[in-house]
C-alpha atoms as a PDB file:
ATOM      1  CA  MET A   1      65.765  31.425 -68.431  1.00  0.00           C
ATOM      2  CA  ILE A   2      66.749  28.154 -66.759  1.00  0.00           C
ATOM      3  CA  ASP A   3      70.335  27.051 -67.547  1.00  0.00           C
ATOM      4  CA  VAL A   4      70.959  23.308 -67.866  1.00  0.00           C
ATOM      5  CA  VAL A   5      74.061  21.121 -68.087  1.00  0.00           C
ATOM      6  CA  VAL A   6      73.640  17.636 -69.634  1.00  0.00           C
ATOM      7  CA  VAL A   7      75.886  14.813 -68.358  1.00  0.00           C
ATOM      8  CA  ASP A   8      75.884  11.445 -70.120  1.00  0.00           C
ATOM      9  CA  ASP A   9      78.656   9.257 -71.472  1.00  0.00           C
ATOM     10  CA  GLN A  10      76.698   8.596 -74.690  1.00  0.00           C
ATOM     11  CA  ALA A  11      77.124  11.468 -77.145  1.00  0.00           C
ATOM     12  CA  LEU A  12      73.928  10.575 -78.988  1.00  0.00           C
ATOM     13  CA  LEU A  13      71.828  10.849 -75.823  1.00  0.00           C
ATOM     14  CA  ARG A  14      73.526  14.120 -74.845  1.00  0.00           C
ATOM     15  CA  GLY A  15      72.659  15.508 -78.250  1.00  0.00           C
ATOM     16  CA  SER A  16      69.054  14.365 -77.967  1.00  0.00           C
ATOM     17  CA  PHE A  17      68.656  15.965 -74.519  1.00  0.00           C
ATOM     18  CA  ARG A  18      70.233  19.173 -75.797  1.00  0.00           C
ATOM     19  CA  VAL A  19      67.799  19.419 -78.705  1.00  0.00           C
ATOM     20  CA  LEU A  20      64.846  18.728 -76.411  1.00  0.00           C
ATOM     21  CA  VAL A  21      65.875  21.199 -73.691  1.00  0.00           C
ATOM     22  CA  ASP A  22      66.731  23.941 -76.211  1.00  0.00           C
ATOM     23  CA  SER A  23      63.293  23.504 -77.849  1.00  0.00           C
ATOM     24  CA  ALA A  24      61.657  24.977 -74.730  1.00  0.00           C
ATOM     25  CA  PRO A  25      61.511  28.787 -74.699  1.00  0.00           C
ATOM     26  CA  ASP A  26      62.455  29.028 -71.016  1.00  0.00           C
ATOM     27  CA  LEU A  27      65.278  26.458 -70.990  1.00  0.00           C
ATOM     28  CA  ARG A  28      68.744  26.351 -72.521  1.00  0.00           C
ATOM     29  CA  VAL A  29      71.732  24.001 -72.418  1.00  0.00           C
ATOM     30  CA  VAL A  30      74.890  25.831 -71.338  1.00  0.00           C
ATOM     31  CA  GLY A  31      77.222  22.852 -71.217  1.00  0.00           C
ATOM     32  CA  GLU A  32      77.737  19.122 -71.690  1.00  0.00           C
ATOM     33  CA  ALA A  33      79.924  16.481 -70.127  1.00  0.00           C
ATOM     34  CA  GLY A  34      80.689  12.804 -70.866  1.00  0.00           C
ATOM     35  CA  ASP A  35      81.815  11.738 -67.404  1.00  0.00           C
ATOM     36  CA  GLY A  36      81.628  12.769 -63.792  1.00  0.00           C
ATOM     37  CA  ALA A  37      84.954  14.566 -63.552  1.00  0.00           C
ATOM     38  CA  GLN A  38      84.227  16.617 -66.628  1.00  0.00           C
ATOM     39  CA  ALA A  39      80.750  17.354 -65.273  1.00  0.00           C
ATOM     40  CA  VAL A  40      82.166  18.938 -62.113  1.00  0.00           C
ATOM     41  CA  LYS A  41      84.384  21.187 -64.191  1.00  0.00           C
ATOM     42  CA  VAL A  42      81.589  22.221 -66.552  1.00  0.00           C
ATOM     43  CA  VAL A  43      79.220  22.958 -63.684  1.00  0.00           C
ATOM     44  CA  THR A  44      81.852  24.972 -61.854  1.00  0.00           C
ATOM     45  CA  ARG A  45      82.400  27.064 -64.995  1.00  0.00           C
ATOM     46  CA  THR A  46      78.796  27.543 -66.092  1.00  0.00           C
ATOM     47  CA  ARG A  47      76.880  27.509 -62.753  1.00  0.00           C
ATOM     48  CA  PRO A  48      73.635  26.096 -64.214  1.00  0.00           C
ATOM     49  CA  HIS A  49      70.330  25.960 -62.395  1.00  0.00           C
ATOM     50  CA  VAL A  50      69.889  22.242 -63.153  1.00  0.00           C
ATOM     51  CA  VAL A  51      72.246  19.368 -63.995  1.00  0.00           C
ATOM     52  CA  LEU A  52      70.826  16.335 -65.845  1.00  0.00           C
ATOM     53  CA  MET A  53      73.112  13.613 -64.476  1.00  0.00           C
ATOM     54  CA  ASP A  54      73.575  10.088 -65.761  1.00  0.00           C
ATOM     55  CA  VAL A  55      74.354   7.478 -63.065  1.00  0.00           C
ATOM     56  CA  ARG A  56      76.684   4.981 -64.703  1.00  0.00           C
ATOM     57  CA  MET A  57      79.640   6.592 -66.439  1.00  0.00           C
ATOM     58  CA  PRO A  58      83.318   5.669 -66.793  1.00  0.00           C
ATOM     59  CA  GLY A  59      85.661   7.076 -64.166  1.00  0.00           C
ATOM     60  CA  MET A  60      83.735   9.226 -61.702  1.00  0.00           C
ATOM     61  CA  ASP A  61      80.140   8.040 -61.734  1.00  0.00           C
ATOM     62  CA  GLY A  62      77.026  10.142 -61.348  1.00  0.00           C
ATOM     63  CA  ILE A  63      76.734   9.663 -57.591  1.00  0.00           C
ATOM     64  CA  ALA A  64      80.285  10.845 -56.924  1.00  0.00           C
ATOM     65  CA  ALA A  65      79.809  13.732 -59.373  1.00  0.00           C
ATOM     66  CA  THR A  66      76.576  14.743 -57.659  1.00  0.00           C
ATOM     67  CA  ARG A  67      78.388  14.862 -54.309  1.00  0.00           C
ATOM     68  CA  GLU A  68      81.111  17.065 -55.823  1.00  0.00           C
ATOM     69  CA  VAL A  69      78.615  19.390 -57.508  1.00  0.00           C
ATOM     70  CA  SER A  70      76.508  19.732 -54.360  1.00  0.00           C
ATOM     71  CA  ALA A  71      79.625  20.716 -52.404  1.00  0.00           C
ATOM     72  CA  SER A  72      81.208  23.068 -54.926  1.00  0.00           C
ATOM     73  CA  SER A  73      78.137  24.492 -56.627  1.00  0.00           C
ATOM     74  CA  PRO A  74      75.239  24.249 -54.136  1.00  0.00           C
ATOM     75  CA  GLU A  75      73.056  26.547 -56.259  1.00  0.00           C
ATOM     76  CA  SER A  76      73.053  23.932 -59.053  1.00  0.00           C
ATOM     77  CA  ARG A  77      70.424  21.207 -58.511  1.00  0.00           C
ATOM     78  CA  VAL A  78      71.030  17.695 -59.792  1.00  0.00           C
ATOM     79  CA  LEU A  79      68.323  15.668 -61.547  1.00  0.00           C
ATOM     80  CA  ILE A  80      69.441  12.024 -61.857  1.00  0.00           C
ATOM     81  CA  LEU A  81      68.675  10.326 -65.169  1.00  0.00           C
ATOM     82  CA  THR A  82      68.828   6.535 -65.281  1.00  0.00           C
ATOM     83  CA  THR A  83      67.769   3.608 -67.420  1.00  0.00           C
ATOM     84  CA  PHE A  84      67.510   1.507 -64.256  1.00  0.00           C
ATOM     85  CA  ASP A  85      64.577   1.395 -61.876  1.00  0.00           C
ATOM     86  CA  LEU A  86      66.629   3.281 -59.266  1.00  0.00           C
ATOM     87  CA  ASP A  87      66.960   0.508 -56.655  1.00  0.00           C
ATOM     88  CA  GLU A  88      70.327   0.829 -54.898  1.00  0.00           C
ATOM     89  CA  TYR A  89      71.021   4.315 -56.270  1.00  0.00           C
ATOM     90  CA  VAL A  90      68.178   6.081 -54.514  1.00  0.00           C
ATOM     91  CA  TYR A  91      69.596   6.548 -51.019  1.00  0.00           C
ATOM     92  CA  ALA A  92      73.193   7.143 -52.166  1.00  0.00           C
ATOM     93  CA  ALA A  93      72.141   9.773 -54.713  1.00  0.00           C
ATOM     94  CA  LEU A  94      69.892  11.626 -52.259  1.00  0.00           C
ATOM     95  CA  ARG A  95      72.578  11.643 -49.605  1.00  0.00           C
ATOM     96  CA  ALA A  96      74.972  12.964 -52.266  1.00  0.00           C
ATOM     97  CA  GLY A  97      72.597  15.889 -52.847  1.00  0.00           C
ATOM     98  CA  ALA A  98      70.379  14.895 -55.792  1.00  0.00           C
ATOM     99  CA  SER A  99      67.074  16.723 -55.977  1.00  0.00           C
ATOM    100  CA  GLY A 100      65.212  14.126 -58.007  1.00  0.00           C
ATOM    101  CA  PHE A 101      65.176  11.142 -60.350  1.00  0.00           C
ATOM    102  CA  LEU A 102      63.827  10.414 -63.807  1.00  0.00           C
ATOM    103  CA  LEU A 103      64.018   7.405 -66.088  1.00  0.00           C
ATOM    104  CA  LYS A 104      65.554   8.157 -69.441  1.00  0.00           C
ATOM    105  CA  ASP A 105      62.439   6.989 -71.265  1.00  0.00           C
ATOM    106  CA  THR A 106      60.329   9.652 -69.496  1.00  0.00           C
ATOM    107  CA  PRO A 107      58.103  11.463 -72.026  1.00  0.00           C
ATOM    108  CA  PRO A 108      59.667  14.720 -73.301  1.00  0.00           C
ATOM    109  CA  ALA A 109      57.031  16.982 -71.799  1.00  0.00           C
ATOM    110  CA  GLU A 110      57.525  15.372 -68.378  1.00  0.00           C
ATOM    111  CA  LEU A 111      61.287  15.792 -68.585  1.00  0.00           C
ATOM    112  CA  LEU A 112      60.963  19.486 -69.335  1.00  0.00           C
ATOM    113  CA  SER A 113      58.459  19.881 -66.511  1.00  0.00           C
ATOM    114  CA  ALA A 114      60.795  18.072 -64.123  1.00  0.00           C
ATOM    115  CA  ILE A 115      63.649  20.453 -64.951  1.00  0.00           C
ATOM    116  CA  ARG A 116      61.382  23.398 -64.070  1.00  0.00           C
ATOM    117  CA  VAL A 117      60.238  21.782 -60.818  1.00  0.00           C
ATOM    118  CA  VAL A 118      63.782  21.111 -59.651  1.00  0.00           C
ATOM    119  CA  ALA A 119      64.969  24.581 -60.746  1.00  0.00           C
ATOM    120  CA  GLU A 120      62.279  26.096 -58.494  1.00  0.00           C
ATOM    121  CA  GLY A 121      63.730  24.266 -55.509  1.00  0.00           C
ATOM    122  CA  ASP A 122      61.315  21.367 -55.248  1.00  0.00           C
ATOM    123  CA  GLY A 123      62.488  17.810 -54.981  1.00  0.00           C
ATOM    124  CA  LEU A 124      61.202  15.352 -57.549  1.00  0.00           C
ATOM    125  CA  LEU A 125      60.365  12.094 -55.828  1.00  0.00           C
ATOM    126  CA  SER A 126      57.879   9.760 -57.399  1.00  0.00           C
ATOM    127  CA  PRO A 127      55.996   7.174 -55.276  1.00  0.00           C
ATOM    128  CA  SER A 128      58.283   4.439 -56.692  1.00  0.00           C
ATOM    129  CA  VAL A 129      61.362   6.361 -55.581  1.00  0.00           C
ATOM    130  CA  THR A 130      59.879   6.926 -52.133  1.00  0.00           C
ATOM    131  CA  ARG A 131      59.141   3.175 -51.776  1.00  0.00           C
ATOM    132  CA  ARG A 132      62.730   2.351 -52.623  1.00  0.00           C
ATOM    133  CA  LEU A 133      64.022   4.983 -50.203  1.00  0.00           C
ATOM    134  CA  ILE A 134      61.902   3.441 -47.428  1.00  0.00           C
ATOM    135  CA  ALA A 135      63.192  -0.030 -48.277  1.00  0.00           C
ATOM    136  CA  GLU A 136      66.791   1.227 -48.134  1.00  0.00           C
ATOM    137  CA  PHE A 137      66.248   2.736 -44.693  1.00  0.00           C
ATOM    138  CA  ALA A 138      64.809  -0.602 -43.540  1.00  0.00           C
ATOM    139  CA  ARG A 139      67.989  -2.344 -44.672  1.00  0.00           C
ATOM    140  CA  LEU A 140      70.504   0.103 -43.180  1.00  0.00           C
ATOM    141  CA  PRO A 141      71.680   0.057 -39.543  1.00  0.00           C
ATOM    142  CA  GLU A 142      69.692   2.381 -37.337  1.00  0.00           C
ATOM    143  CA  SER A 143      71.103   5.913 -37.368  1.00  0.00           C
ATOM    144  CA  ARG A 144      69.946   9.225 -35.919  1.00  0.00           C
ATOM    145  CA  PRO A 145      72.353  11.910 -37.185  1.00  0.00           C
ATOM    146  CA  VAL A 146      69.606  14.518 -37.640  1.00  0.00           C
ATOM    147  CA  ARG A 147      67.972  16.288 -34.676  1.00  0.00           C
ATOM    148  CA  LEU A 148      64.629  18.055 -34.854  1.00  0.00           C
ATOM    149  CA  ASP A 149      65.270  20.649 -32.165  1.00  0.00           C
ATOM    150  CA  GLY A 150      63.162  23.762 -32.714  1.00  0.00           C
ATOM    151  CA  ILE A 151      60.686  22.032 -35.009  1.00  0.00           C
ATOM    152  CA  THR A 152      57.037  22.617 -33.965  1.00  0.00           C
ATOM    153  CA  ASP A 153      54.474  19.860 -33.651  1.00  0.00           C
ATOM    154  CA  ARG A 154      52.685  21.057 -36.805  1.00  0.00           C
ATOM    155  CA  GLU A 155      55.964  21.164 -38.716  1.00  0.00           C
ATOM    156  CA  ARG A 156      56.636  17.592 -37.599  1.00  0.00           C
ATOM    157  CA  GLU A 157      53.296  16.550 -38.981  1.00  0.00           C
ATOM    158  CA  VAL A 158      54.049  18.201 -42.284  1.00  0.00           C
ATOM    159  CA  LEU A 159      57.547  16.684 -42.424  1.00  0.00           C
ATOM    160  CA  ALA A 160      56.193  13.203 -41.718  1.00  0.00           C
ATOM    161  CA  LEU A 161      53.723  13.498 -44.607  1.00  0.00           C
ATOM    162  CA  ILE A 162      56.415  14.773 -46.955  1.00  0.00           C
ATOM    163  CA  ALA A 163      58.462  11.680 -46.051  1.00  0.00           C
ATOM    164  CA  ARG A 164      55.517   9.522 -47.004  1.00  0.00           C
ATOM    165  CA  GLY A 165      55.523  11.074 -50.478  1.00  0.00           C
ATOM    166  CA  LEU A 166      52.440  13.274 -50.155  1.00  0.00           C
ATOM    167  CA  SER A 167      52.124  16.351 -52.370  1.00  0.00           C
ATOM    168  CA  ASN A 168      51.288  19.785 -51.009  1.00  0.00           C
ATOM    169  CA  THR A 169      47.686  19.350 -52.075  1.00  0.00           C
ATOM    170  CA  GLU A 170      47.443  15.993 -50.294  1.00  0.00           C
ATOM    171  CA  ILE A 171      49.000  17.509 -47.163  1.00  0.00           C
ATOM    172  CA  THR A 172      46.414  20.304 -47.152  1.00  0.00           C
ATOM    173  CA  GLN A 173      43.632  17.752 -47.353  1.00  0.00           C
ATOM    174  CA  THR A 174      45.124  15.539 -44.625  1.00  0.00           C
ATOM    175  CA  LEU A 175      45.813  18.373 -42.142  1.00  0.00           C
ATOM    176  CA  HIS A 176      42.940  20.633 -43.245  1.00  0.00           C
ATOM    177  CA  LEU A 177      45.284  23.560 -43.940  1.00  0.00           C
ATOM    178  CA  SER A 178      45.479  26.003 -46.812  1.00  0.00           C
ATOM    179  CA  VAL A 179      48.071  25.574 -49.555  1.00  0.00           C
ATOM    180  CA  GLY A 180      49.761  28.794 -48.423  1.00  0.00           C
ATOM    181  CA  THR A 181      50.045  27.571 -44.840  1.00  0.00           C
ATOM    182  CA  VAL A 182      51.556  24.273 -45.960  1.00  0.00           C
ATOM    183  CA  LYS A 183      54.082  26.112 -48.115  1.00  0.00           C
ATOM    184  CA  THR A 184      54.991  28.301 -45.139  1.00  0.00           C
ATOM    185  CA  HIS A 185      55.588  25.247 -42.957  1.00  0.00           C
ATOM    186  CA  ILE A 186      57.743  23.663 -45.671  1.00  0.00           C
ATOM    187  CA  GLY A 187      59.751  26.853 -46.024  1.00  0.00           C
ATOM    188  CA  ARG A 188      60.400  26.910 -42.300  1.00  0.00           C
ATOM    189  CA  LEU A 189      61.419  23.248 -42.339  1.00  0.00           C
ATOM    190  CA  LEU A 190      63.883  23.877 -45.146  1.00  0.00           C
ATOM    191  CA  HIS A 191      65.411  26.752 -43.184  1.00  0.00           C
ATOM    192  CA  LYS A 192      65.524  25.012 -39.795  1.00  0.00           C
ATOM    193  CA  LEU A 193      66.891  21.735 -41.164  1.00  0.00           C
ATOM    194  CA  GLN A 194      69.214  23.527 -43.632  1.00  0.00           C
ATOM    195  CA  ALA A 195      67.770  21.361 -46.393  1.00  0.00           C
ATOM    196  CA  ARG A 196      68.093  22.279 -50.036  1.00  0.00           C
ATOM    197  CA  ASP A 197      64.734  20.914 -51.152  1.00  0.00           C
ATOM    198  CA  ARG A 198      61.942  18.438 -50.545  1.00  0.00           C
ATOM    199  CA  ALA A 199      64.182  15.443 -51.282  1.00  0.00           C
ATOM    200  CA  GLN A 200      66.517  16.429 -48.467  1.00  0.00           C
ATOM    201  CA  LEU A 201      63.543  16.818 -46.093  1.00  0.00           C
ATOM    202  CA  VAL A 202      62.662  13.176 -46.759  1.00  0.00           C
ATOM    203  CA  ILE A 203      66.190  12.157 -45.758  1.00  0.00           C
ATOM    204  CA  ALA A 204      65.967  14.286 -42.609  1.00  0.00           C
ATOM    205  CA  ALA A 205      62.647  12.760 -41.593  1.00  0.00           C
ATOM    206  CA  TYR A 206      64.039   9.250 -41.709  1.00  0.00           C
ATOM    207  CA  GLU A 207      67.435   9.957 -40.282  1.00  0.00           C
ATOM    208  CA  SER A 208      65.917  11.817 -37.337  1.00  0.00           C
ATOM    209  CA  GLY A 209      63.657   8.891 -36.514  1.00  0.00           C
ATOM    210  CA  LEU A 210      60.507  10.973 -37.005  1.00  0.00           C
ATOM    211  CA  VAL A 211      59.249   8.264 -39.364  1.00  0.00           C
ATOM    212  CA  SER A 212      60.553   4.763 -39.926  1.00  0.00           C
ATOM    213  CA  ALA A 213      60.605   2.294 -42.745  1.00  0.00           C
ATOM    214  CA  GLY A 214      58.160   0.218 -40.788  1.00  0.00           C
ATOM    215  CA  GLY A 215      55.507   2.869 -41.281  1.00  0.00           C
ATOM    216  CA  SER A 216      55.390   4.620 -37.885  1.00  0.00           C
END
């Protein structure tokens, strides 16, 4: 059973998400919050697998709440929900520890699937999110806070493709590897870079300079 906390300042939306999540046999809502500060308290108390987090809320917003949740409850993964097309929130939310993004008008089946994906430890980054992330790195001053010491050449290849938004299947086709081998490389990257999920690997790839917004 995957435990979920729903965070949104609109009670009607929270109720709708609760009904949807509880309709799935393998998911259940264990808490709700109407703002970021309350979200941190609820997550600390309930320790859910996934937090559905709104971005714009009164008081502590979703980005700040994500940062607090990632620090105090690292086992809980945050899935950002927004009515906006993500623009300036992408980089800030990923740096804060978010594992993925969804628009609030995402079809119900896709939302439930996204919760499962994030709960399993995979980041949820659509091509549009990846494009915005690349654009944000192009705008920011150059920075290299992440080092890739101990990363093999093959792992670097895999990491670069992850940063470009390729799926595991696409990576297997590009590098002519088996799915199992690709998953092994990803697991080693997560461990070596102390990354929580695929979304954090994307950040590491750019911040290390392995790939750049210019496409190298």
